[in-house]
Amino acid sequence: MNFLKLFVLLAVSSCLLLAPLAEAQNGKGKGKGSLRSAEVRGNYRAEIFTAPAEIADTFESLMPRAMLYQPVKTDQKKLPLLISLHGSGGGQRDIEKKGKWTGTIRSLLDPENQKFQCLLLVPQSKGTWHPASLEKMLTVVLKAHPEVDTNRIYCIGYSMGGKGTWEWAMHQPDRFAAIMPKGFIPDLSKAEEMVELPIWAMVGDKDSKARVEGIPAMEKKLKELGSTQVKITVFPGENHSSTPGAVKKLEGLYEWMFSHSKK
């Protein structure tokens, strides 16, 4: 009988201990999100960040899980946060199994870029990016990571990700220290609200007419409004598919971005 009581007690204790872990992995924490699947490469640790279900249920197209990369070792008390938005095909892959160490994190791991330490957030969307949903996820991330310097939050993206970067900043220009949208068609309806925001936009001159004409028009409009913080790069001979390769060869990207702070 004593043995049976001990067995039952151990079983109940195990359930009580495992329940919070399961809840966290299912994204059912109290507004702070959860992390799992840690993996280290170089000085970065990759984890899956999951937004709490009560918040994720309000997302439009945005998936509740995102990749979050953090420096393993750093001497900085506060770290910048870089958000990278994928193009139209990025929402179809399993972030735990494919492409975990490609894209922006791969470039941050390059020897010449290892001096730039930051948190990197790579969300996923099943469709076009919606600024309101991205802002909700960012709020959860910032709550879970008080080490983020909110004066140094940056956003980058190409194609659909460039459009998402632009539109998020267009709706909340005070959120970012700088943005780097590429290969997109800019909406200039709220250009006057982006005059103070540092922007470096890029496009290949063999891309679609709307992009090739739209990005220089955006620069012209912002400068007419008084911006001294906008610039563009046009890659000769590059189309929509080849421009990302040209971007990778461009020097000074991270130097420019991380040189900006809201304060």
Foldseek 3Di string as FASTA:
>chain_A
DVVVVVVVVVVVVVCVVCVVVVCQVVQADDLQWHWDDWDDDQQKIKIKTFHHPVLQVPDDQWHRIKIKIAGNDDPAQAFAEEEEEEAQPVQPDDCNPPDVCDDPNVLCNPPVNVVRGHMYIYTHGNGAADLVSVVSSVVSNCVNDVSYDQQAYEYEYEESSLANRQVNCLVPVVRHQEYEREHYQHDCPSLLVNQAHAYEYEYECAEDPRRNVRVVVSVVVSVVSPHPRYDYYYHYPDYSVCVVVVVSPDPDPVVVRRVTGND
